[in-house]
Structure formats: structure tokens, C-alpha cells
Protein backbone atom coordinates (compact mmCIF):
# COMPACT_ATOMS: atom_id res chain seq x y z
CA MET A 1 8.89 -6.76 45.78
CA ASP A 2 5.58 -6.89 47.20
CA PHE A 3 2.49 -5.72 44.51
CA ASP A 4 -0.37 -5.37 46.91
CA GLY A 5 -1.10 -9.34 46.50
CA VAL A 6 -0.13 -9.39 42.50
CA LEU A 7 2.91 -11.90 43.45
CA LEU A 8 1.53 -14.58 45.99
CA ARG A 9 3.93 -14.93 48.77
CA GLN A 10 2.43 -17.61 50.72
CA GLY A 11 0.06 -20.64 50.39
CA GLY A 12 2.11 -22.40 47.43
CA PRO A 13 4.15 -21.68 44.11
CA ALA A 14 3.30 -18.62 42.51
CA TRP A 15 4.44 -17.20 39.40
CA ASN A 16 4.10 -13.55 37.69
CA PRO A 17 4.91 -13.31 33.98
CA LEU A 18 4.67 -9.40 33.63
CA VAL A 19 7.77 -8.69 35.82
CA ALA A 20 9.73 -11.35 34.44
CA ASP A 21 8.88 -10.26 31.26
CA MET A 22 9.40 -6.81 31.07
CA LEU A 23 13.10 -7.44 32.61
CA CYS A 24 14.10 -9.80 29.74
CA HIS A 25 12.56 -7.19 27.01
CA ALA A 26 14.65 -4.44 28.94
CA SER A 27 17.76 -7.12 28.93
CA VAL A 28 16.84 -7.56 25.07
CA ALA A 29 17.13 -4.24 23.93
CA GLN A 30 20.35 -4.13 25.67
CA GLU A 31 21.95 -6.94 23.97
CA VAL A 32 20.58 -5.48 20.22
CA TRP A 33 22.10 -2.53 21.03
CA ASP A 34 25.52 -4.15 22.32
CA ARG A 35 25.44 -7.02 19.92
CA VAL A 36 23.21 -6.20 16.70
CA LEU A 37 23.19 -2.61 15.96
CA SER A 38 26.12 -0.80 14.04
CA PRO A 39 27.67 2.50 15.32
CA ALA A 40 25.66 4.55 13.13
CA GLN A 41 22.56 2.96 14.01
CA ARG A 42 23.54 3.25 17.55
CA SER A 43 24.16 7.29 16.93
CA GLU A 44 21.01 7.54 15.20
CA LEU A 45 19.54 6.75 17.87
CA ALA A 46 20.87 8.37 20.29
CA SER A 47 20.74 11.53 18.29
CA GLU A 48 16.98 11.29 17.71
CA LEU A 49 16.20 10.73 21.40
CA GLY A 50 18.46 13.78 22.21
CA CYS A 51 20.72 12.08 24.31
CA GLY A 52 23.87 13.34 24.66
CA ARG A 53 25.75 10.00 25.18
CA GLU A 54 24.78 6.60 23.82
CA ASP A 55 25.28 4.87 26.88
CA VAL A 56 22.27 6.88 28.43
CA ALA A 57 20.47 5.94 25.08
CA ARG A 58 21.02 2.60 25.93
CA GLN A 59 19.98 2.89 29.30
CA VAL A 60 16.54 4.79 28.34
CA LEU A 61 15.71 2.52 25.32
CA ALA A 62 16.07 -0.57 27.72
CA LEU A 63 14.17 1.12 30.06
CA LEU A 64 11.40 1.99 27.51
CA ALA A 65 11.65 -1.98 26.03
CA GLY A 66 10.83 -3.23 29.27
CA ALA A 67 8.06 -0.44 30.76
CA ARG A 68 6.69 -1.05 27.42
CA ARG A 69 3.72 -3.42 28.85
CA VAL A 70 3.06 -1.82 31.96
CA GLY A 71 -0.44 -1.36 30.55
CA GLU A 72 -1.51 -4.68 31.20
CA ALA A 73 -1.13 -3.92 34.85
CA SER A 74 -4.98 -3.53 34.50
CA PRO A 75 -8.10 -4.26 35.71
CA ALA A 76 -9.20 -6.13 32.17
CA TRP A 77 -6.00 -7.41 31.28
CA MET A 78 -4.44 -9.37 34.26
CA ASN A 79 -6.79 -12.32 34.18
CA GLY A 80 -5.22 -13.27 30.81
CA LEU A 81 -1.16 -13.09 31.50
CA GLY A 82 0.62 -16.12 30.55
CA THR A 83 -2.41 -17.54 29.12
CA THR A 84 -0.71 -18.02 25.65
CA VAL A 85 2.58 -19.88 27.20
CA HIS A 86 1.62 -23.81 27.80
CA SER A 87 3.97 -25.58 29.99
CA PRO A 88 3.33 -28.27 32.68
CA ALA A 89 5.17 -25.86 35.03
CA LEU A 90 3.00 -22.73 34.20
CA GLU A 91 -0.38 -24.56 34.55
CA ILE A 92 0.56 -25.61 37.99
CA THR A 93 1.91 -22.06 39.03
CA ARG A 94 -0.67 -19.96 37.14
CA PRO A 95 -3.96 -20.91 39.91
CA SER A 96 -2.32 -20.08 43.03
CA TRP A 97 -1.04 -16.83 40.99
CA GLN A 98 -4.25 -15.85 39.91
CA ARG A 99 -6.10 -17.03 43.57
CA GLY A 100 -4.05 -14.55 45.19
CA ALA A 101 -4.46 -11.87 43.08
CA GLU A 102 -8.32 -12.57 42.97
CA GLN A 103 -8.42 -12.19 46.93
CA VAL A 104 -6.85 -8.86 47.24
CA GLY A 105 -9.66 -7.90 44.41
CA LEU A 106 -7.40 -7.59 41.55
CA THR A 107 -8.73 -9.70 39.34
CA ALA A 108 -12.40 -11.32 38.98
CA SER A 109 -15.03 -11.72 36.43
CA VAL A 110 -16.91 -8.85 38.15
CA LEU A 111 -13.94 -6.27 37.05
CA ARG A 112 -13.95 -7.24 33.44
CA SER A 113 -17.40 -6.07 33.01
CA ARG A 114 -16.47 -2.98 35.48
CA PHE A 115 -13.69 -1.55 33.47
CA PRO A 116 -13.61 -1.17 29.73
CA PRO A 117 -11.43 -3.48 27.55
CA GLU A 118 -9.27 -0.79 26.45
CA PRO A 119 -6.34 -1.43 24.38
CA VAL A 120 -3.16 -1.71 26.39
CA GLU A 121 -1.36 0.68 24.11
CA ARG A 122 -3.76 3.44 25.05
CA ILE A 123 -3.55 2.57 28.92
CA GLY A 124 0.07 1.92 28.34
CA ALA A 125 0.31 5.83 26.61
CA ALA A 126 -1.90 7.34 29.63
CA VAL A 127 0.27 5.93 32.57
CA LEU A 128 3.63 6.07 31.50
CA PRO A 129 4.48 9.22 31.40
CA ARG A 130 3.36 9.78 34.87
CA LEU A 131 5.82 6.84 35.81
CA LEU A 132 8.78 8.59 33.93
CA GLY A 133 9.13 11.85 35.26
CA CYS A 134 6.23 13.75 34.86
CA ASP A 135 4.46 13.67 38.39
CA CYS A 136 2.49 16.98 37.75
CA PRO A 137 -0.34 16.41 40.42
CA GLU A 138 -2.76 18.70 38.53
CA LEU A 139 -2.97 16.26 35.45
CA GLU A 140 -4.77 13.09 35.02
CA ASP A 141 -3.30 10.09 33.12
CA GLY A 142 -3.37 10.54 29.94
CA GLU A 143 -3.34 14.20 29.58
CA ARG A 144 -0.29 16.02 28.49
CA CYS A 145 1.48 18.09 30.31
CA THR A 146 2.30 21.33 29.39
CA LYS A 147 5.62 21.83 30.64
CA PRO A 148 8.62 22.52 28.00
CA ALA A 149 10.57 20.15 29.74
CA HIS A 150 7.95 17.12 29.26
CA ASP A 151 7.44 17.81 25.83
CA GLY A 152 9.98 14.88 25.11
CA LEU A 153 9.13 12.47 27.50
CA PHE A 154 5.69 12.75 25.87
CA LEU A 155 6.61 12.67 22.53
CA MET A 156 8.99 9.64 23.18
CA VAL A 157 6.10 7.39 24.87
CA TYR A 158 3.25 8.66 22.57
CA SER A 159 5.82 7.54 19.57
CA ILE A 160 6.03 3.97 20.97
CA PHE A 161 2.36 3.38 21.70
CA LEU A 162 0.11 5.67 18.87
CA GLU A 163 -0.02 5.25 15.47
CA ASP A 164 0.34 8.44 14.56
CA GLY A 165 2.69 9.53 17.74
CA ASN A 166 1.04 12.61 18.88
CA ASP A 167 -1.58 13.48 21.78
CA LEU A 168 -4.19 10.79 22.75
CA PRO A 169 -7.63 11.85 21.17
CA THR A 170 -9.42 13.56 23.76
CA ASP A 171 -12.57 11.60 24.08
CA THR A 172 -9.89 8.48 24.87
CA VAL A 173 -7.79 10.12 28.00
CA ALA A 174 -10.31 9.29 30.53
CA VAL A 175 -11.51 6.08 29.03
CA ALA A 176 -7.95 4.84 28.83
CA ALA A 177 -6.92 6.12 32.43
CA ARG A 178 -10.27 4.46 33.87
CA ALA A 179 -9.32 1.40 32.15
CA GLY A 180 -6.08 1.62 34.16
CA GLY A 181 -7.69 0.95 37.48
CA ARG A 182 -7.69 2.70 40.50
CA GLY A 183 -6.76 1.65 44.35
CA PRO A 184 -3.79 -0.18 44.44
CA TRP A 185 -3.25 -0.61 40.31
CA PRO A 186 -1.00 3.06 40.09
CA ALA A 187 0.95 1.68 42.72
CA ILE A 188 1.18 -1.76 41.24
CA ARG A 189 2.47 -0.36 38.12
CA ARG A 190 4.92 2.24 39.69
CA SER A 191 6.73 -0.98 41.18
CA LEU A 192 6.83 -2.65 38.09
CA VAL A 193 8.53 0.28 36.41
CA GLY A 194 10.73 0.99 39.30
CA GLU A 195 11.95 -3.22 38.78
CA VAL A 196 13.08 -2.67 35.27
CA ALA A 197 14.54 1.05 36.15
CA ARG A 198 16.88 -1.01 38.91
CA HIS A 199 17.47 -3.60 36.55
CA VAL A 200 18.48 -1.09 33.70
CA GLY A 201 20.36 1.26 35.89
CA LEU A 202 18.58 4.07 35.68
CA LYS A 203 16.14 6.67 37.86
CA PRO A 204 13.13 6.89 36.37
CA GLU A 205 12.65 10.39 36.84
CA ARG A 206 15.60 11.03 35.37
CA VAL A 207 14.23 10.54 32.01
CA PRO A 208 12.76 13.88 30.56
CA ASP A 209 16.51 15.41 31.66
CA LEU A 210 18.30 13.10 29.64
CA ILE A 211 16.33 13.15 26.61
CA GLN A 212 15.53 16.52 24.04
CA PRO A 213 14.04 14.69 21.25
CA SER A 214 12.98 17.32 18.49
CA GLU A 215 9.26 17.63 17.85
CA GLU A 216 9.43 18.53 14.26
CA GLY A 217 10.23 15.73 12.72
CA GLY A 218 7.14 14.17 13.99
CA PRO A 219 6.70 10.40 15.56
CA LEU A 220 9.82 9.12 16.44
CA VAL A 221 10.44 6.50 13.63
CA GLY A 222 13.44 5.01 14.77
CA LEU A 223 12.26 4.75 18.47
CA ARG A 224 9.05 2.93 17.32
CA CYS A 225 10.65 0.60 14.95
CA PHE A 226 13.25 -0.47 17.54
CA SER A 227 10.91 -0.57 20.40
CA SER A 228 8.47 -2.46 18.07
CA ARG A 229 11.47 -4.73 16.79
CA ILE A 230 12.24 -5.65 20.85
CA ALA A 231 8.46 -6.31 21.81
CA ARG A 232 7.91 -9.15 19.03
CA PHE A 233 11.36 -10.68 20.13
CA PRO A 234 10.82 -14.22 20.87
CA ILE A 235 11.71 -14.88 24.41
CA ASP A 236 8.69 -16.53 26.29
CA GLY A 237 9.20 -20.37 25.19
CA PRO A 238 8.80 -22.77 28.07
CA ALA A 239 12.36 -23.81 27.82
CA TYR A 240 13.60 -20.36 29.40
CA GLY A 241 12.03 -21.70 32.72
CA TYR A 242 9.79 -19.26 34.82
CA ALA A 243 10.90 -16.76 37.50
CA LEU A 244 9.33 -17.13 40.90
CA PRO A 245 7.88 -13.85 42.68
CA ASP A 246 9.90 -14.83 45.90
CA ASP A 247 13.49 -14.34 43.90
CA PRO A 248 15.51 -11.53 44.14
CA LEU A 249 16.13 -8.83 41.85
CA GLU A 250 19.36 -9.74 41.21
CA LYS A 251 18.00 -13.28 40.47
CA MET A 252 15.88 -12.15 37.97
CA SER A 253 18.39 -9.50 36.52
CA HIS A 254 20.39 -12.75 36.17
CA ARG A 255 17.91 -14.79 34.66
CA ALA A 256 17.01 -12.25 32.14
CA ARG A 257 19.97 -11.31 30.92
CA ASN A 258 20.97 -14.85 30.16
CA ILE A 259 17.43 -15.55 28.51
CA ALA A 260 18.54 -12.33 26.41
CA ARG A 261 21.66 -13.58 25.42
CA THR A 262 20.44 -17.23 24.78
CA ALA A 263 17.70 -15.50 22.22
CA ILE A 264 19.87 -12.89 20.71
CA THR A 265 22.53 -16.16 19.67
CA HIS A 266 19.80 -17.84 18.50
CA GLN A 267 17.94 -15.29 15.91
CA ALA A 268 21.66 -14.76 15.15
CA ARG A 269 22.16 -18.34 14.01
CA LEU A 270 18.75 -18.54 12.46
CA ALA A 271 19.88 -15.42 10.24
């Protein structure tokens, strides 16, 4: 992977906490689907998404669970990645990763003053539809597409990010898009979501064609609950170790699935 300098490949050890975390949450979603949800719950979620098959719903949910944090790949938030986890291994790798990012202008104190500290949920809601199949050129990030074929995509994305599950307020659209950053940032987020998509075996651009949720019932409550549950799952403990940016996707995927299985088993024992 190459995120234009976010992943430092030379000059010492490096660690990208975001891509590893996104893969882990996608794997947790798959494990929860397979081992925790009842057949009735799986059927209900597939029906809510409008998926014709449950295996497709499983892929879509895993992709969403992994891509949910894509808003953190933005100027005001990148410096904070990994700062809530404390371990000797992370303390060694974090400065090297941060120096590499700063060298290409992705994180620096000046960026914090230039970009508003917009909530990552709003940034995610503004940028994720474009990464999941709505690449309509006439739209700015955050604007809701008027094509009927994309209604379900926007409803699905907004349901996992926004409290009311509806559109972003008009006066926050430009702010959220601007806070996401220009320059290399759109490509970085596309790369991140692309890695999650490869991990779960689903092309991002296929999502609008695979779902047909109905807007009559308002926000997708089941999807919101499932997504929030996965996002809160404890998978960032130092005992799980850390991925290195030079690891190929296959190795990172294998590690993510092992972490997910361990975390699910541990939660089952606590229950």
C-alpha cells in the first residue's frame, strides 16, 4: 500500500494504526455475523438493507464496519491516531510514522489551525458515499445525490453516521467536505476503503447495486445498532500487537481475522 507518505517505508519502523484498525473492525463484523447473530437477526438485517442474499449483506456490513472510521483520514485528526493506546512498541513506532506524514505535509500543527475540528462522523458522512459507488462528477462531497439508484447508498451511509439518519444540514456540507482535506486526502481515503473492500471481497462500486433499503421507515435502525456495536468492540489492546505498513494485505488480513476471532471468543467468555 502507498498512501502518499502516510505509510513511511524508509527511515526506520513505522506503524499505521488506521488501516489495521479498519481491517480488524471489518473482521469483527464478519465474526459477529457468523457466530453471534441468530438466523432471524441476519435475515432482518439483510431485509433492512434490501439485499437479496444474506452473504451479500454480510459483505456490505463488513465493508461499512471497516470504512466507518474513514473520516479520521483528514488533517485535523491524523495527528491523534494511536494516542489513546499506550505500549512500548507503539511509543517507538509512532514518532517515525508521524515524521513521515509531516514530511509530505499531511500532519502538522499549521493544519490544525487551517482546518476546523469537524466531527469525524460528519466527515465520514460527507466523503464515504463517493467511495462506495456514487462518483457523480457534478456533486461536491457531502451533497446528496438525486439519482434514484443512489438513494439507498446515502440512506445507508447517513444511518450509520448521523443521529437522525437524514441529510447533512445544508450549512455543514461545505464545512465537513473542507475539513476532509484536499490534495492527497481523497486518494488516501479511497486507498483505505479499497483495502477494506479487498479484505472483505467486495468491490466498493458495487454497493449501490447490491442494496435497496426503503426510506419509508426512516433511518436504518438495525444497521445503526450493528455498526455502533462493532465500532465499540475492544480490539485495540496492546496484547494484540501492531501491524507494520510494509506488511502485505494478506498478512494484515490474516492478523485482523485472528484478532477478531480472539476478541469474539473473549467477549463470549465474559458473557
